[in-house]
């Protein structure tokens, strides 16, 4: 499938997801967060609330719980809904990233995860890399990786190159 068509479809689909989850339609990006630590989620929540994007946090203990205008916690994201996300933030419990790569979803993952050997930090100057990495499961490290991705997301050419690199893993 053509990259431009995929990105266009993602935009259309993420509008539907935002309506379904009652998230802000003014934000462009929508992100999936898969972190199991309830404490870390609570710590990250305040930082996520100030960002110009929407977050769906997938955790077992949630039941469509609205944590803010742009943050919702759900117990399960259906596989058919994954295409709607621009990126995924994962903790060390993630076993496979294949389903995300196939749907052109950029991973943000710990350098300590066993899957990080497949990934390389995106460098927009060289158009190399396929992810954003953080050093530890600490809120500010994760937040910093999210901010680096958001800075890239502002530039369509750079973001297209990143997405292209994700699918070529």
N, C-alpha and C. Protein backbone atom coordinates (compact mmCIF):
# COMPACT_ATOMS: atom_id res chain seq x y z
N UNK A 1 0.85 -1.19 0.00
CA UNK A 1 0.00 0.00 0.00
C UNK A 1 0.89 1.24 0.00
N UNK A 2 0.47 2.27 -0.69
CA UNK A 2 1.19 3.53 -0.81
C UNK A 2 1.20 4.27 0.54
N UNK A 3 2.35 4.82 0.89
CA UNK A 3 2.51 5.50 2.17
C UNK A 3 1.54 6.67 2.33
N UNK A 4 1.37 7.46 1.30
CA UNK A 4 0.44 8.59 1.39
C UNK A 4 -0.99 8.14 1.66
N UNK A 5 -1.38 7.02 1.04
CA UNK A 5 -2.72 6.48 1.26
C UNK A 5 -2.87 5.96 2.70
N UNK A 6 -1.83 5.33 3.20
CA UNK A 6 -1.87 4.82 4.58
C UNK A 6 -2.01 5.97 5.56
N UNK A 7 -1.22 7.01 5.37
CA UNK A 7 -1.29 8.16 6.29
C UNK A 7 -2.64 8.85 6.19
N UNK A 8 -3.20 8.94 5.00
CA UNK A 8 -4.53 9.54 4.84
C UNK A 8 -5.59 8.69 5.55
N UNK A 9 -5.50 7.37 5.38
CA UNK A 9 -6.45 6.48 6.03
C UNK A 9 -6.33 6.57 7.56
N UNK A 10 -5.10 6.66 8.06
CA UNK A 10 -4.90 6.81 9.50
C UNK A 10 -5.60 8.05 10.03
N UNK A 11 -5.46 9.16 9.30
CA UNK A 11 -6.11 10.41 9.73
C UNK A 11 -7.63 10.25 9.79
N UNK A 12 -8.18 9.63 8.76
CA UNK A 12 -9.63 9.43 8.72
C UNK A 12 -10.09 8.52 9.85
N UNK A 13 -9.36 7.45 10.07
CA UNK A 13 -9.73 6.48 11.11
C UNK A 13 -9.55 7.06 12.51
N UNK A 14 -8.51 7.88 12.70
CA UNK A 14 -8.32 8.38 14.06
C UNK A 14 -9.41 9.38 14.45
N UNK A 15 -10.02 10.03 13.48
CA UNK A 15 -11.16 10.91 13.78
C UNK A 15 -12.33 10.07 14.32
N UNK A 16 -12.57 8.92 13.69
CA UNK A 16 -13.63 8.02 14.16
C UNK A 16 -13.35 7.50 15.57
N UNK A 17 -12.12 7.13 15.82
CA UNK A 17 -11.74 6.64 17.16
C UNK A 17 -11.94 7.72 18.21
N UNK A 18 -11.53 8.93 17.91
CA UNK A 18 -11.68 10.04 18.86
C UNK A 18 -13.15 10.29 19.19
N UNK A 19 -14.01 10.20 18.19
CA UNK A 19 -15.44 10.36 18.44
C UNK A 19 -15.96 9.24 19.33
N UNK A 20 -15.54 8.02 19.03
CA UNK A 20 -15.99 6.85 19.79
C UNK A 20 -15.56 6.95 21.26
N UNK A 21 -14.35 7.45 21.51
CA UNK A 21 -13.82 7.51 22.87
C UNK A 21 -14.02 8.87 23.54
N UNK A 22 -14.71 9.79 22.84
CA UNK A 22 -15.00 11.12 23.36
C UNK A 22 -13.72 11.90 23.68
N UNK A 23 -12.75 11.80 22.77
CA UNK A 23 -11.50 12.54 22.92
C UNK A 23 -11.55 13.81 22.09
N UNK A 24 -10.63 14.72 22.34
CA UNK A 24 -10.59 16.00 21.66
C UNK A 24 -10.33 15.82 20.16
N UNK A 25 -11.17 16.41 19.35
CA UNK A 25 -10.97 16.30 17.90
C UNK A 25 -9.97 17.33 17.38
N UNK A 26 -9.59 18.29 18.21
CA UNK A 26 -8.64 19.32 17.75
C UNK A 26 -7.21 18.79 17.68
N UNK A 27 -6.91 17.74 18.41
CA UNK A 27 -5.57 17.17 18.39
C UNK A 27 -5.41 16.26 17.18
N UNK A 28 -4.23 16.30 16.56
CA UNK A 28 -4.01 15.49 15.36
C UNK A 28 -3.58 14.07 15.70
N UNK A 29 -2.58 13.93 16.51
CA UNK A 29 -2.01 12.60 16.78
C UNK A 29 -2.80 11.87 17.86
N UNK A 30 -2.84 10.55 17.72
CA UNK A 30 -3.44 9.71 18.77
C UNK A 30 -2.46 8.58 19.06
N UNK A 31 -2.20 8.38 20.33
CA UNK A 31 -1.14 7.48 20.76
C UNK A 31 -1.69 6.40 21.67
N UNK A 32 -1.12 5.23 21.53
CA UNK A 32 -1.47 4.10 22.39
C UNK A 32 -0.36 3.93 23.41
N UNK A 33 -0.75 3.80 24.67
CA UNK A 33 0.22 3.59 25.75
C UNK A 33 -0.06 2.22 26.36
N UNK A 34 0.96 1.37 26.36
CA UNK A 34 0.84 0.02 26.92
C UNK A 34 1.87 -0.13 28.04
N UNK A 35 1.53 0.42 29.17
CA UNK A 35 2.40 0.36 30.36
C UNK A 35 1.57 -0.24 31.48
N UNK A 36 2.07 -1.30 32.08
CA UNK A 36 1.29 -2.02 33.09
C UNK A 36 1.31 -1.39 34.48
N UNK A 37 2.31 -0.60 34.79
CA UNK A 37 2.45 -0.05 36.13
C UNK A 37 1.41 1.05 36.40
N UNK A 38 0.53 0.78 37.35
CA UNK A 38 -0.50 1.76 37.72
C UNK A 38 0.14 3.04 38.26
N UNK A 39 1.20 2.88 39.01
CA UNK A 39 1.91 4.03 39.58
C UNK A 39 2.51 4.89 38.47
N UNK A 40 3.16 4.25 37.51
CA UNK A 40 3.77 5.00 36.40
C UNK A 40 2.70 5.69 35.56
N UNK A 41 1.59 5.03 35.32
CA UNK A 41 0.49 5.65 34.57
C UNK A 41 0.00 6.90 35.29
N UNK A 42 -0.18 6.80 36.61
CA UNK A 42 -0.63 7.97 37.38
C UNK A 42 0.38 9.10 37.31
N UNK A 43 1.66 8.76 37.35
CA UNK A 43 2.71 9.78 37.27
C UNK A 43 2.75 10.44 35.89
N UNK A 44 2.57 9.65 34.85
CA UNK A 44 2.61 10.16 33.48
C UNK A 44 1.38 10.98 33.11
N UNK A 45 0.26 10.64 33.71
CA UNK A 45 -1.01 11.26 33.34
C UNK A 45 -0.95 12.78 33.36
N UNK A 46 -0.42 13.37 34.40
CA UNK A 46 -0.37 14.83 34.49
C UNK A 46 0.47 15.44 33.37
N UNK A 47 1.54 14.75 32.99
CA UNK A 47 2.38 15.25 31.89
C UNK A 47 1.65 15.12 30.55
N UNK A 48 0.91 14.04 30.37
CA UNK A 48 0.19 13.81 29.11
C UNK A 48 -0.93 14.82 28.90
N UNK A 49 -1.53 15.27 29.99
CA UNK A 49 -2.66 16.20 29.89
C UNK A 49 -2.32 17.51 29.20
N UNK A 50 -1.06 17.92 29.24
CA UNK A 50 -0.67 19.21 28.67
C UNK A 50 -0.22 19.12 27.21
N UNK A 51 -0.14 17.90 26.67
CA UNK A 51 0.36 17.74 25.30
C UNK A 51 -0.77 17.86 24.27
N UNK A 52 -0.45 18.37 23.08
CA UNK A 52 -1.46 18.57 22.04
C UNK A 52 -1.73 17.30 21.22
N UNK A 53 -2.06 16.22 21.89
CA UNK A 53 -2.41 14.96 21.24
C UNK A 53 -3.28 14.16 22.19
N UNK A 54 -3.83 13.08 21.68
CA UNK A 54 -4.72 12.24 22.48
C UNK A 54 -4.03 10.93 22.81
N UNK A 55 -4.35 10.39 23.99
CA UNK A 55 -3.72 9.17 24.47
C UNK A 55 -4.78 8.16 24.88
N UNK A 56 -4.60 6.92 24.43
CA UNK A 56 -5.41 5.80 24.88
C UNK A 56 -4.46 4.89 25.63
N UNK A 57 -4.73 4.71 26.91
CA UNK A 57 -3.89 3.86 27.76
C UNK A 57 -4.58 2.52 27.90
N UNK A 58 -3.90 1.47 27.47
CA UNK A 58 -4.47 0.12 27.57
C UNK A 58 -3.89 -0.56 28.80
N UNK A 59 -4.76 -0.76 29.80
CA UNK A 59 -4.37 -1.44 31.04
C UNK A 59 -5.53 -2.31 31.51
N UNK A 60 -5.21 -3.42 32.10
CA UNK A 60 -6.24 -4.38 32.53
C UNK A 60 -7.22 -3.80 33.54
N UNK A 61 -6.78 -2.91 34.39
CA UNK A 61 -7.61 -2.41 35.48
C UNK A 61 -8.58 -1.32 35.06
N UNK A 62 -8.52 -0.87 33.81
CA UNK A 62 -9.37 0.25 33.37
C UNK A 62 -10.65 -0.23 32.71
N UNK A 63 -11.63 0.66 32.72
CA UNK A 63 -12.90 0.37 32.06
C UNK A 63 -13.42 1.65 31.41
N UNK A 64 -12.80 2.03 30.29
CA UNK A 64 -13.13 3.28 29.61
C UNK A 64 -13.20 4.45 30.59
N UNK A 65 -12.14 4.59 31.33
CA UNK A 65 -12.05 5.63 32.36
C UNK A 65 -11.38 6.87 31.78
N UNK A 66 -12.13 7.96 31.74
CA UNK A 66 -11.61 9.22 31.23
C UNK A 66 -10.69 9.83 32.28
N UNK A 67 -9.41 10.03 31.92
CA UNK A 67 -8.44 10.58 32.87
C UNK A 67 -8.17 12.06 32.61
N UNK A 68 -8.75 12.59 31.57
CA UNK A 68 -8.59 13.99 31.19
C UNK A 68 -9.22 14.20 29.82
N UNK A 69 -9.23 15.44 29.33
CA UNK A 69 -9.83 15.72 28.02
C UNK A 69 -9.18 14.92 26.89
N UNK A 70 -7.88 14.66 27.03
CA UNK A 70 -7.15 13.99 25.96
C UNK A 70 -6.57 12.63 26.36
N UNK A 71 -7.01 12.10 27.50
CA UNK A 71 -6.47 10.82 27.99
C UNK A 71 -7.62 9.93 28.46
N UNK A 72 -7.63 8.69 27.94
CA UNK A 72 -8.62 7.71 28.37
C UNK A 72 -7.91 6.39 28.61
N UNK A 73 -8.34 5.68 29.64
CA UNK A 73 -7.80 4.36 29.96
C UNK A 73 -8.85 3.31 29.60
N UNK A 74 -8.43 2.30 28.83
CA UNK A 74 -9.32 1.21 28.43
C UNK A 74 -8.67 -0.12 28.78
N UNK A 75 -9.50 -1.13 28.96
CA UNK A 75 -8.96 -2.44 29.33
C UNK A 75 -8.41 -3.19 28.12
N UNK A 76 -8.94 -2.93 26.93
CA UNK A 76 -8.49 -3.65 25.74
C UNK A 76 -8.71 -2.80 24.50
N UNK A 77 -7.69 -2.75 23.65
CA UNK A 77 -7.82 -2.13 22.33
C UNK A 77 -7.91 -3.26 21.33
N UNK A 78 -8.98 -3.29 20.59
CA UNK A 78 -9.18 -4.34 19.59
C UNK A 78 -8.13 -4.22 18.48
N UNK A 79 -7.69 -5.36 17.97
CA UNK A 79 -6.68 -5.36 16.91
C UNK A 79 -7.11 -4.56 15.69
N UNK A 80 -8.41 -4.56 15.38
CA UNK A 80 -8.90 -3.80 14.23
C UNK A 80 -8.76 -2.29 14.44
N UNK A 81 -8.65 -1.85 15.68
CA UNK A 81 -8.53 -0.44 15.98
C UNK A 81 -7.08 0.04 15.93
N UNK A 82 -6.13 -0.86 15.90
CA UNK A 82 -4.72 -0.47 15.97
C UNK A 82 -4.30 0.46 14.84
N UNK A 83 -4.83 0.28 13.65
CA UNK A 83 -4.43 1.12 12.52
C UNK A 83 -4.68 2.60 12.79
N UNK A 84 -5.54 2.89 13.73
CA UNK A 84 -5.90 4.27 14.01
C UNK A 84 -4.82 5.02 14.79
N UNK A 85 -3.85 4.31 15.33
CA UNK A 85 -2.84 4.95 16.18
C UNK A 85 -1.60 5.34 15.39
N UNK A 86 -0.99 6.46 15.82
CA UNK A 86 0.24 6.94 15.19
C UNK A 86 1.47 6.30 15.82
N UNK A 87 1.42 6.05 17.12
CA UNK A 87 2.57 5.45 17.78
C UNK A 87 2.11 4.68 19.00
N UNK A 88 3.02 3.87 19.53
CA UNK A 88 2.74 3.10 20.73
C UNK A 88 3.92 3.25 21.69
N UNK A 89 3.62 3.52 22.95
CA UNK A 89 4.63 3.56 24.00
C UNK A 89 4.51 2.26 24.78
N UNK A 90 5.60 1.50 24.85
CA UNK A 90 5.57 0.18 25.48
C UNK A 90 6.54 0.11 26.64
N UNK A 91 6.16 -0.68 27.65
CA UNK A 91 7.10 -0.98 28.73
C UNK A 91 7.86 -2.26 28.39
N UNK A 92 8.55 -2.81 29.34
CA UNK A 92 9.37 -4.00 29.09
C UNK A 92 8.56 -5.28 28.95
N UNK A 93 7.26 -5.24 29.17
CA UNK A 93 6.43 -6.44 29.10
C UNK A 93 5.96 -6.77 27.68
N UNK A 94 6.25 -5.94 26.73
CA UNK A 94 5.80 -6.19 25.36
C UNK A 94 6.62 -7.33 24.76
N UNK A 95 5.93 -8.29 24.15
CA UNK A 95 6.60 -9.47 23.59
C UNK A 95 6.84 -9.37 22.09
N UNK A 96 5.99 -8.61 21.40
CA UNK A 96 6.10 -8.52 19.95
C UNK A 96 5.70 -7.13 19.48
N UNK A 97 6.41 -6.64 18.51
CA UNK A 97 6.06 -5.36 17.90
C UNK A 97 5.58 -5.53 16.46
N UNK A 98 5.55 -6.76 15.99
CA UNK A 98 5.23 -7.04 14.59
C UNK A 98 3.89 -6.44 14.17
N UNK A 99 2.87 -6.61 14.99
CA UNK A 99 1.55 -6.09 14.61
C UNK A 99 1.56 -4.57 14.48
N UNK A 100 2.41 -3.89 15.26
CA UNK A 100 2.52 -2.43 15.17
C UNK A 100 3.28 -2.03 13.90
N UNK A 101 4.38 -2.74 13.62
CA UNK A 101 5.15 -2.44 12.41
C UNK A 101 4.30 -2.60 11.17
N UNK A 102 3.51 -3.67 11.12
CA UNK A 102 2.67 -3.95 9.95
C UNK A 102 1.62 -2.87 9.72
N UNK A 103 1.24 -2.18 10.79
CA UNK A 103 0.22 -1.13 10.69
C UNK A 103 0.83 0.27 10.70
N UNK A 104 2.14 0.33 10.49
CA UNK A 104 2.85 1.59 10.34
C UNK A 104 2.80 2.44 11.61
N UNK A 105 2.84 1.78 12.76
CA UNK A 105 2.78 2.47 14.06
C UNK A 105 4.19 2.57 14.61
N UNK A 106 4.62 3.77 14.92
CA UNK A 106 5.96 4.01 15.43
C UNK A 106 6.07 3.57 16.89
N UNK A 107 7.07 2.74 17.22
CA UNK A 107 7.24 2.33 18.62
C UNK A 107 8.11 3.31 19.40
N UNK A 108 7.73 3.51 20.63
CA UNK A 108 8.56 4.21 21.61
C UNK A 108 8.75 3.20 22.73
N UNK A 109 10.00 2.79 22.95
CA UNK A 109 10.24 1.62 23.79
C UNK A 109 11.55 1.80 24.58
N UNK A 110 11.64 1.08 25.66
CA UNK A 110 12.82 1.13 26.52
C UNK A 110 14.03 0.48 25.84
N UNK A 111 15.18 1.06 26.03
CA UNK A 111 16.42 0.48 25.50
C UNK A 111 16.73 -0.85 26.18
N UNK A 112 16.11 -1.11 27.32
CA UNK A 112 16.34 -2.36 28.05
C UNK A 112 15.43 -3.50 27.59
N UNK A 113 14.45 -3.20 26.75
CA UNK A 113 13.55 -4.24 26.25
C UNK A 113 14.32 -5.12 25.26
N UNK A 114 14.05 -6.41 25.30
CA UNK A 114 14.75 -7.35 24.42
C UNK A 114 14.49 -7.08 22.93
N UNK A 115 13.45 -6.35 22.61
CA UNK A 115 13.14 -6.03 21.22
C UNK A 115 13.86 -4.78 20.72
N UNK A 116 14.49 -4.06 21.63
CA UNK A 116 15.13 -2.80 21.24
C UNK A 116 16.28 -3.02 20.27
N UNK A 117 16.80 -4.24 20.16
CA UNK A 117 17.88 -4.50 19.21
C UNK A 117 17.40 -4.36 17.76
N UNK A 118 16.09 -4.46 17.53
CA UNK A 118 15.51 -4.27 16.21
C UNK A 118 15.35 -2.79 15.86
N UNK A 119 15.47 -1.96 16.87
CA UNK A 119 15.11 -0.56 16.72
C UNK A 119 16.33 0.36 16.79
N UNK A 120 16.18 1.49 16.14
CA UNK A 120 17.22 2.52 16.16
C UNK A 120 16.52 3.87 16.29
N UNK A 121 17.05 4.71 17.15
CA UNK A 121 16.50 6.06 17.36
C UNK A 121 16.46 6.81 16.03
N UNK A 122 15.31 7.42 15.74
CA UNK A 122 15.15 8.16 14.49
C UNK A 122 16.01 9.41 14.49
N UNK A 123 16.72 9.62 13.38
CA UNK A 123 17.54 10.80 13.17
C UNK A 123 17.00 11.50 11.93
N UNK A 124 16.26 12.62 12.10
CA UNK A 124 15.64 13.27 10.95
C UNK A 124 16.64 13.89 9.98
N UNK A 125 17.83 14.22 10.44
CA UNK A 125 18.84 14.79 9.56
C UNK A 125 19.29 13.76 8.52
N UNK A 126 19.45 12.52 8.97
CA UNK A 126 19.90 11.45 8.08
C UNK A 126 18.74 10.59 7.55
N UNK A 127 17.53 10.84 8.03
CA UNK A 127 16.36 10.02 7.69
C UNK A 127 16.60 8.55 7.99
N UNK A 128 17.25 8.30 9.11
CA UNK A 128 17.54 6.94 9.56
C UNK A 128 16.85 6.68 10.89
N UNK A 129 16.57 5.44 11.14
CA UNK A 129 15.96 5.05 12.41
C UNK A 129 14.49 4.75 12.23
N UNK A 130 13.94 4.04 13.24
CA UNK A 130 12.57 3.55 13.11
C UNK A 130 11.78 3.64 14.41
N UNK A 131 12.29 4.39 15.37
CA UNK A 131 11.62 4.44 16.67
C UNK A 131 12.17 5.61 17.49
N UNK A 132 11.63 5.73 18.68
CA UNK A 132 12.21 6.59 19.70
C UNK A 132 12.40 5.73 20.93
N UNK A 133 13.52 5.92 21.59
CA UNK A 133 13.89 5.07 22.72
C UNK A 133 14.01 5.88 23.99
N UNK A 134 13.72 5.23 25.13
CA UNK A 134 13.96 5.87 26.43
C UNK A 134 14.80 4.92 27.27
N UNK A 135 15.56 5.50 28.21
CA UNK A 135 16.55 4.73 28.96
C UNK A 135 15.98 3.92 30.12
N UNK A 136 14.92 4.39 30.72
CA UNK A 136 14.37 3.64 31.86
C UNK A 136 12.87 3.91 31.98
N UNK A 137 12.20 3.03 32.70
CA UNK A 137 10.76 3.17 32.93
C UNK A 137 10.52 4.20 34.03
N UNK A 138 10.87 5.39 33.74
CA UNK A 138 10.69 6.51 34.66
C UNK A 138 9.94 7.59 33.87
N UNK A 139 9.01 8.26 34.52
CA UNK A 139 8.09 9.15 33.78
C UNK A 139 8.80 10.20 32.93
N UNK A 140 9.89 10.79 33.42
CA UNK A 140 10.52 11.85 32.66
C UNK A 140 11.28 11.31 31.45
N UNK A 141 11.83 10.11 31.55
CA UNK A 141 12.48 9.49 30.39
C UNK A 141 11.45 9.19 29.30
N UNK A 142 10.31 8.66 29.70
CA UNK A 142 9.25 8.37 28.73
C UNK A 142 8.70 9.66 28.14
N UNK A 143 8.47 10.64 28.99
CA UNK A 143 7.94 11.93 28.53
C UNK A 143 8.90 12.58 27.53
N UNK A 144 10.18 12.50 27.80
CA UNK A 144 11.18 13.07 26.89
C UNK A 144 11.13 12.38 25.52
N UNK A 145 10.97 11.07 25.49
CA UNK A 145 10.86 10.35 24.21
C UNK A 145 9.59 10.77 23.46
N UNK A 146 8.50 10.96 24.19
CA UNK A 146 7.25 11.40 23.57
C UNK A 146 7.43 12.79 22.96
N UNK A 147 8.08 13.68 23.67
CA UNK A 147 8.32 15.04 23.18
C UNK A 147 9.18 15.01 21.92
N UNK A 148 10.21 14.17 21.90
CA UNK A 148 11.06 14.06 20.70
C UNK A 148 10.23 13.60 19.51
N UNK A 149 9.34 12.65 19.73
CA UNK A 149 8.47 12.20 18.65
C UNK A 149 7.53 13.33 18.21
N UNK A 150 6.94 14.03 19.15
CA UNK A 150 6.03 15.12 18.80
C UNK A 150 6.72 16.20 17.97
N UNK A 151 7.97 16.48 18.29
CA UNK A 151 8.72 17.46 17.50
C UNK A 151 8.87 16.98 16.06
N UNK A 152 9.14 15.70 15.87
CA UNK A 152 9.25 15.13 14.54
C UNK A 152 7.89 15.14 13.83
N UNK A 153 6.84 14.86 14.56
CA UNK A 153 5.49 14.76 13.99
C UNK A 153 5.05 16.08 13.34
N UNK A 154 5.59 17.18 13.81
CA UNK A 154 5.23 18.50 13.26
C UNK A 154 5.68 18.66 11.81
N UNK A 155 6.67 17.88 11.39
CA UNK A 155 7.24 18.01 10.06
C UNK A 155 6.82 16.81 9.21
N UNK A 156 5.84 16.99 8.32
CA UNK A 156 5.30 15.86 7.55
C UNK A 156 6.35 15.05 6.79
N UNK A 157 7.34 15.72 6.22
CA UNK A 157 8.37 15.00 5.47
C UNK A 157 9.14 14.07 6.40
N UNK A 158 9.56 14.58 7.55
CA UNK A 158 10.30 13.75 8.51
C UNK A 158 9.44 12.61 9.04
N UNK A 159 8.19 12.91 9.33
CA UNK A 159 7.31 11.88 9.86
C UNK A 159 7.06 10.78 8.82
N UNK A 160 6.91 11.15 7.57
CA UNK A 160 6.74 10.15 6.51
C UNK A 160 7.96 9.24 6.43
N UNK A 161 9.14 9.83 6.55
CA UNK A 161 10.36 9.01 6.50
C UNK A 161 10.43 8.06 7.69
N UNK A 162 10.05 8.53 8.85
CA UNK A 162 10.04 7.68 10.03
C UNK A 162 9.07 6.51 9.83
N UNK A 163 7.87 6.80 9.37
CA UNK A 163 6.87 5.76 9.16
C UNK A 163 7.35 4.77 8.11
N UNK A 164 7.97 5.27 7.05
CA UNK A 164 8.53 4.41 6.00
C UNK A 164 9.58 3.47 6.59
N UNK A 165 10.42 3.98 7.49
CA UNK A 165 11.45 3.17 8.14
C UNK A 165 10.84 2.11 9.07
N UNK A 166 9.72 2.44 9.68
CA UNK A 166 9.04 1.49 10.59
C UNK A 166 8.59 0.27 9.81
N UNK A 167 8.00 0.47 8.67
CA UNK A 167 7.46 -0.65 7.91
C UNK A 167 8.56 -1.49 7.26
N UNK A 168 9.75 -0.95 7.14
CA UNK A 168 10.86 -1.68 6.52
C UNK A 168 11.70 -2.47 7.51
N UNK A 169 11.20 -2.68 8.70
CA UNK A 169 11.94 -3.43 9.70
C UNK A 169 11.94 -4.90 9.33
